[in-house]
Amino acid sequence: MSGGVSDVLVENALIWNSRRAVRIKTAPGRGGYVRNILYHNLTFDNLRVGIVIKTDYNEHPDSGYDPMARPALENITFAGIHGQLVRVPVRIEGSDEIPVKNVEFRDLSVGLSYKKKHVFQCSHVSGRVIGSVFPAPCMNLDLYDEAGRLVRQSVSSNASDIDYDF
C-alpha cells in the first residue's frame, strides 16, 4: 500500500457471516494513497461491521518506516449497499493526521442486528450522502436529496461518534 491504490471497482458481491465486509486500513508511516474506489451493489448478511475505514492500524513490517509519511484517503464511494443483521453498518475512523476525504454514500439500507446509540460512526471524515440512507448517517457528512440539492451541510468533519464498545 505504501505506493498507493487507486481506481478500484468492487461490485456485485454478497458478504455473509463475517466480522467485516469492506475494510480499508492504513496508518501513519505508510505513505501512499487510497483514492478513487467504488463499492457498488453489495449485499451484507450477518456481519459485525459492514464498512470499516481505519487510519490508525499501526502495523508495520519493520522499524525502518518514516512516521511522518501520511497516506491520503479520498474519493471513496459506496452505492447500492443493502443487507440485514449488521451490528455497525459504517465505521470510518480518520484522524487529524490522516483525514478521510470526499466519501460518498448513495442508496444504502442495512438492517440492524443490535440497537446501539451510534450505528453509523464517523471521525475526521468529510463527504456527502445522496438520497436515501439507512441507518441515519453521521453528522460529518453533507446531506443531499435525490435531485442533488443540499438539505443539510455538515457542521464539522472532525466530530467523532465512534463507539468502541461493540
C-alpha atoms as a PDB file:
ATOM      1  CA  MET A   1       0.000   0.000   0.000  1.00  0.00           C
ATOM      2  CA  SER A   2       2.937   2.378   0.519  1.00  0.00           C
ATOM      3  CA  GLY A   3       2.945   3.206  -3.203  1.00  0.00           C
ATOM      4  CA  GLY A   4      -0.801   3.702  -3.437  1.00  0.00           C
ATOM      5  CA  VAL A   5      -4.022   2.058  -4.521  1.00  0.00           C
ATOM      6  CA  SER A   6      -6.429   3.777  -6.916  1.00  0.00           C
ATOM      7  CA  ASP A   7      -9.158   3.268  -9.491  1.00  0.00           C
ATOM      8  CA  VAL A   8     -10.664   0.133  -7.953  1.00  0.00           C
ATOM      9  CA  LEU A   9     -14.199  -1.169  -8.557  1.00  0.00           C
ATOM     10  CA  VAL A  10     -15.768  -3.771  -6.270  1.00  0.00           C
ATOM     11  CA  GLU A  11     -19.273  -4.761  -7.318  1.00  0.00           C
ATOM     12  CA  ASN A  12     -21.979  -7.405  -7.210  1.00  0.00           C
ATOM     13  CA  ALA A  13     -20.794  -9.136  -4.057  1.00  0.00           C
ATOM     14  CA  LEU A  14     -22.557 -10.915  -1.203  1.00  0.00           C
ATOM     15  CA  ILE A  15     -20.679 -10.897   2.108  1.00  0.00           C
ATOM     16  CA  TRP A  16     -22.171 -13.023   4.906  1.00  0.00           C
ATOM     17  CA  ASN A  17     -21.340 -14.457   8.342  1.00  0.00           C
ATOM     18  CA  SER A  18     -18.209 -12.351   8.719  1.00  0.00           C
ATOM     19  CA  ARG A  19     -16.663  -9.844  11.109  1.00  0.00           C
ATOM     20  CA  ARG A  20     -16.263  -7.198   8.365  1.00  0.00           C
ATOM     21  CA  ALA A  21     -17.380  -6.806   4.765  1.00  0.00           C
ATOM     22  CA  VAL A  22     -15.433  -3.813   3.410  1.00  0.00           C
ATOM     23  CA  ARG A  23     -12.182  -2.848   5.110  1.00  0.00           C
ATOM     24  CA  ILE A  24      -9.608  -0.185   4.283  1.00  0.00           C
ATOM     25  CA  LYS A  25      -6.831   0.123   6.833  1.00  0.00           C
ATOM     26  CA  THR A  26      -3.689   2.222   6.996  1.00  0.00           C
ATOM     27  CA  ALA A  27      -1.550   4.140   9.481  1.00  0.00           C
ATOM     28  CA  PRO A  28       0.962   6.968   9.850  1.00  0.00           C
ATOM     29  CA  GLY A  29       4.228   5.821   8.314  1.00  0.00           C
ATOM     30  CA  ARG A  30       2.602   4.047   5.374  1.00  0.00           C
ATOM     31  CA  GLY A  31       2.549   6.973   2.962  1.00  0.00           C
ATOM     32  CA  GLY A  32       0.955   6.487  -0.432  1.00  0.00           C
ATOM     33  CA  TYR A  33      -2.760   6.876  -1.116  1.00  0.00           C
ATOM     34  CA  VAL A  34      -6.109   5.138  -1.378  1.00  0.00           C
ATOM     35  CA  ARG A  35      -8.312   7.014  -3.842  1.00  0.00           C
ATOM     36  CA  ASN A  36     -10.989   6.647  -6.494  1.00  0.00           C
ATOM     37  CA  ILE A  37     -12.532   3.494  -5.025  1.00  0.00           C
ATOM     38  CA  LEU A  38     -16.110   2.467  -5.861  1.00  0.00           C
ATOM     39  CA  TYR A  39     -18.085  -0.196  -4.000  1.00  0.00           C
ATOM     40  CA  HIS A  40     -21.288  -0.908  -5.906  1.00  0.00           C
ATOM     41  CA  ASN A  41     -24.167  -3.339  -5.445  1.00  0.00           C
ATOM     42  CA  LEU A  42     -23.033  -5.123  -2.277  1.00  0.00           C
ATOM     43  CA  THR A  43     -25.248  -7.223  -0.017  1.00  0.00           C
ATOM     44  CA  PHE A  44     -24.394  -7.719   3.662  1.00  0.00           C
ATOM     45  CA  ASP A  45     -25.836 -10.518   5.798  1.00  0.00           C
ATOM     46  CA  ASN A  46     -24.984 -11.230   9.433  1.00  0.00           C
ATOM     47  CA  LEU A  47     -21.893  -9.045   9.964  1.00  0.00           C
ATOM     48  CA  ARG A  48     -20.265  -7.365  12.921  1.00  0.00           C
ATOM     49  CA  VAL A  49     -19.249  -4.273  10.891  1.00  0.00           C
ATOM     50  CA  GLY A  50     -20.251  -3.598   7.282  1.00  0.00           C
ATOM     51  CA  ILE A  51     -17.854  -0.856   6.183  1.00  0.00           C
ATOM     52  CA  VAL A  52     -14.627  -0.008   8.046  1.00  0.00           C
ATOM     53  CA  ILE A  53     -12.040   2.628   7.178  1.00  0.00           C
ATOM     54  CA  LYS A  54      -9.344   2.894   9.839  1.00  0.00           C
ATOM     55  CA  THR A  55      -6.316   5.205   9.726  1.00  0.00           C
ATOM     56  CA  ASP A  56      -4.535   4.177  12.929  1.00  0.00           C
ATOM     57  CA  TYR A  57      -3.923   0.491  12.264  1.00  0.00           C
ATOM     58  CA  ASN A  58      -0.287   0.856  13.409  1.00  0.00           C
ATOM     59  CA  GLU A  59       1.150  -2.293  11.952  1.00  0.00           C
ATOM     60  CA  HIS A  60       4.459  -2.007  10.061  1.00  0.00           C
ATOM     61  CA  PRO A  61       6.695  -4.672   8.511  1.00  0.00           C
ATOM     62  CA  ASP A  62       9.803  -3.319  10.265  1.00  0.00           C
ATOM     63  CA  SER A  63      11.020  -0.414  12.398  1.00  0.00           C
ATOM     64  CA  GLY A  64      12.603   1.472   9.470  1.00  0.00           C
ATOM     65  CA  TYR A  65       9.463   3.334   8.381  1.00  0.00           C
ATOM     66  CA  ASP A  66       9.070   7.121   8.277  1.00  0.00           C
ATOM     67  CA  PRO A  67       6.401   8.031  10.873  1.00  0.00           C
ATOM     68  CA  MET A  68       5.799  11.324   9.030  1.00  0.00           C
ATOM     69  CA  ALA A  69       4.729   9.555   5.799  1.00  0.00           C
ATOM     70  CA  ARG A  70       0.970  10.146   5.830  1.00  0.00           C
ATOM     71  CA  PRO A  71      -1.302   8.249   3.442  1.00  0.00           C
ATOM     72  CA  ALA A  72      -4.098  10.104   1.636  1.00  0.00           C
ATOM     73  CA  LEU A  73      -7.592   8.582   1.621  1.00  0.00           C
ATOM     74  CA  GLU A  74     -10.040  10.248  -0.754  1.00  0.00           C
ATOM     75  CA  ASN A  75     -12.820   9.746  -3.286  1.00  0.00           C
ATOM     76  CA  ILE A  76     -14.348   6.556  -1.888  1.00  0.00           C
ATOM     77  CA  THR A  77     -17.929   5.824  -2.970  1.00  0.00           C
ATOM     78  CA  PHE A  78     -20.453   3.324  -1.602  1.00  0.00           C
ATOM     79  CA  ALA A  79     -23.545   2.921  -3.815  1.00  0.00           C
ATOM     80  CA  GLY A  80     -26.279   0.298  -3.717  1.00  0.00           C
ATOM     81  CA  ILE A  81     -25.338  -1.267  -0.368  1.00  0.00           C
ATOM     82  CA  HIS A  82     -28.110  -3.367   1.218  1.00  0.00           C
ATOM     83  CA  GLY A  83     -28.366  -6.029   3.849  1.00  0.00           C
ATOM     84  CA  GLN A  84     -29.568  -7.329   7.181  1.00  0.00           C
ATOM     85  CA  LEU A  85     -28.332  -8.353  10.616  1.00  0.00           C
ATOM     86  CA  VAL A  86     -25.405  -5.911  10.806  1.00  0.00           C
ATOM     87  CA  ARG A  87     -24.257  -4.537  14.186  1.00  0.00           C
ATOM     88  CA  VAL A  88     -22.453  -1.426  12.889  1.00  0.00           C
ATOM     89  CA  PRO A  89     -23.117  -0.696   9.198  1.00  0.00           C
ATOM     90  CA  VAL A  90     -20.465   2.058   8.817  1.00  0.00           C
ATOM     91  CA  ARG A  91     -17.381   2.944  10.855  1.00  0.00           C
ATOM     92  CA  ILE A  92     -14.925   5.491   9.433  1.00  0.00           C
ATOM     93  CA  GLU A  93     -12.062   6.417  11.760  1.00  0.00           C
ATOM     94  CA  GLY A  94      -9.973   9.195  10.278  1.00  0.00           C
ATOM     95  CA  SER A  95      -7.629  11.318  12.375  1.00  0.00           C
ATOM     96  CA  ASP A  96      -6.151  14.820  12.494  1.00  0.00           C
ATOM     97  CA  GLU A  97      -3.085  13.493  10.663  1.00  0.00           C
ATOM     98  CA  ILE A  98      -4.999  11.313   8.194  1.00  0.00           C
ATOM     99  CA  PRO A  99      -8.495  12.624   7.466  1.00  0.00           C
ATOM    100  CA  VAL A 100     -10.756  10.629   5.154  1.00  0.00           C
ATOM    101  CA  LYS A 101     -11.899  12.989   2.391  1.00  0.00           C
ATOM    102  CA  ASN A 102     -14.693  13.004  -0.151  1.00  0.00           C
ATOM    103  CA  VAL A 103     -16.557   9.871   0.922  1.00  0.00           C
ATOM    104  CA  GLU A 104     -19.939   9.379  -0.736  1.00  0.00           C
ATOM    105  CA  PHE A 105     -22.896   7.217   0.277  1.00  0.00           C
ATOM    106  CA  ARG A 106     -25.813   6.675  -2.071  1.00  0.00           C
ATOM    107  CA  ASP A 107     -28.672   4.148  -1.807  1.00  0.00           C
ATOM    108  CA  LEU A 108     -27.641   2.408   1.422  1.00  0.00           C
ATOM    109  CA  SER A 109     -30.099   0.422   3.536  1.00  0.00           C
ATOM    110  CA  VAL A 110     -28.785  -2.012   6.121  1.00  0.00           C
ATOM    111  CA  GLY A 111     -30.963  -3.702   8.743  1.00  0.00           C
ATOM    112  CA  LEU A 112     -29.510  -3.774  12.224  1.00  0.00           C
ATOM    113  CA  SER A 113     -28.955  -6.770  14.475  1.00  0.00           C
ATOM    114  CA  TYR A 114     -28.167  -4.768  17.601  1.00  0.00           C
ATOM    115  CA  LYS A 115     -29.537  -1.446  18.814  1.00  0.00           C
ATOM    116  CA  LYS A 116     -26.721   0.982  19.577  1.00  0.00           C
ATOM    117  CA  LYS A 117     -26.584   4.712  20.020  1.00  0.00           C
ATOM    118  CA  HIS A 118     -24.116   5.119  17.133  1.00  0.00           C
ATOM    119  CA  VAL A 119     -24.584   2.641  14.294  1.00  0.00           C
ATOM    120  CA  PHE A 120     -23.214   4.919  11.568  1.00  0.00           C
ATOM    121  CA  GLN A 121     -19.897   6.024  13.069  1.00  0.00           C
ATOM    122  CA  CYS A 122     -17.521   8.710  11.812  1.00  0.00           C
ATOM    123  CA  SER A 123     -14.452  10.611  12.919  1.00  0.00           C
ATOM    124  CA  HIS A 124     -12.394  13.056  10.820  1.00  0.00           C
ATOM    125  CA  VAL A 125     -14.284  12.349   7.620  1.00  0.00           C
ATOM    126  CA  SER A 126     -15.802  14.629   5.005  1.00  0.00           C
ATOM    127  CA  GLY A 127     -18.108  13.846   2.130  1.00  0.00           C
ATOM    128  CA  ARG A 128     -21.755  13.509   1.269  1.00  0.00           C
ATOM    129  CA  VAL A 129     -24.854  11.376   1.459  1.00  0.00           C
ATOM    130  CA  ILE A 130     -27.124  11.487  -1.584  1.00  0.00           C
ATOM    131  CA  GLY A 131     -30.727  10.360  -1.281  1.00  0.00           C
ATOM    132  CA  SER A 132     -31.953   7.617   0.993  1.00  0.00           C
ATOM    133  CA  VAL A 133     -29.528   6.134   3.521  1.00  0.00           C
ATOM    134  CA  PHE A 134     -30.452   3.916   6.490  1.00  0.00           C
ATOM    135  CA  PRO A 135     -29.496   3.977   9.258  1.00  0.00           C
ATOM    136  CA  ALA A 136     -29.146   7.738   9.627  1.00  0.00           C
ATOM    137  CA  PRO A 137     -25.661   8.888   8.570  1.00  0.00           C
ATOM    138  CA  CYS A 138     -23.264  10.695  10.872  1.00  0.00           C
ATOM    139  CA  MET A 139     -23.330  14.483  11.066  1.00  0.00           C
ATOM    140  CA  ASN A 140     -19.849  14.760   9.475  1.00  0.00           C
ATOM    141  CA  LEU A 141     -21.349  14.298   6.007  1.00  0.00           C
ATOM    142  CA  ASP A 142     -23.311  16.769   3.879  1.00  0.00           C
ATOM    143  CA  LEU A 143     -26.815  15.534   3.109  1.00  0.00           C
ATOM    144  CA  TYR A 144     -28.322  15.912  -0.395  1.00  0.00           C
ATOM    145  CA  ASP A 145     -31.740  14.880  -1.676  1.00  0.00           C
ATOM    146  CA  GLU A 146     -32.267  12.574  -4.685  1.00  0.00           C
ATOM    147  CA  ALA A 147     -32.169  15.576  -7.047  1.00  0.00           C
ATOM    148  CA  GLY A 148     -28.756  16.643  -5.744  1.00  0.00           C
ATOM    149  CA  ARG A 149     -29.978  19.627  -3.699  1.00  0.00           C
ATOM    150  CA  LEU A 150     -28.197  20.311  -0.420  1.00  0.00           C
ATOM    151  CA  VAL A 151     -30.500  19.520   2.517  1.00  0.00           C
ATOM    152  CA  ARG A 152     -28.065  19.825   5.435  1.00  0.00           C
ATOM    153  CA  GLN A 153     -24.436  20.872   5.474  1.00  0.00           C
ATOM    154  CA  SER A 154     -22.020  19.175   7.857  1.00  0.00           C
ATOM    155  CA  VAL A 155     -21.071  21.131  10.949  1.00  0.00           C
ATOM    156  CA  SER A 156     -17.603  19.602  11.296  1.00  0.00           C
ATOM    157  CA  SER A 157     -15.672  16.802   9.623  1.00  0.00           C
ATOM    158  CA  ASN A 158     -13.708  16.298  12.855  1.00  0.00           C
ATOM    159  CA  ALA A 159     -16.670  15.379  15.038  1.00  0.00           C
ATOM    160  CA  SER A 160     -16.396  11.894  16.494  1.00  0.00           C
ATOM    161  CA  ASP A 161     -19.192   9.489  17.316  1.00  0.00           C
ATOM    162  CA  ILE A 162     -17.082   6.330  17.404  1.00  0.00           C
ATOM    163  CA  ASP A 163     -18.452   3.782  19.853  1.00  0.00           C
ATOM    164  CA  TYR A 164     -15.661   1.430  20.861  1.00  0.00           C
ATOM    165  CA  ASP A 165     -17.969  -0.929  22.707  1.00  0.00           C
ATOM    166  CA  PHE A 166     -19.418  -3.239  20.082  1.00  0.00           C
END
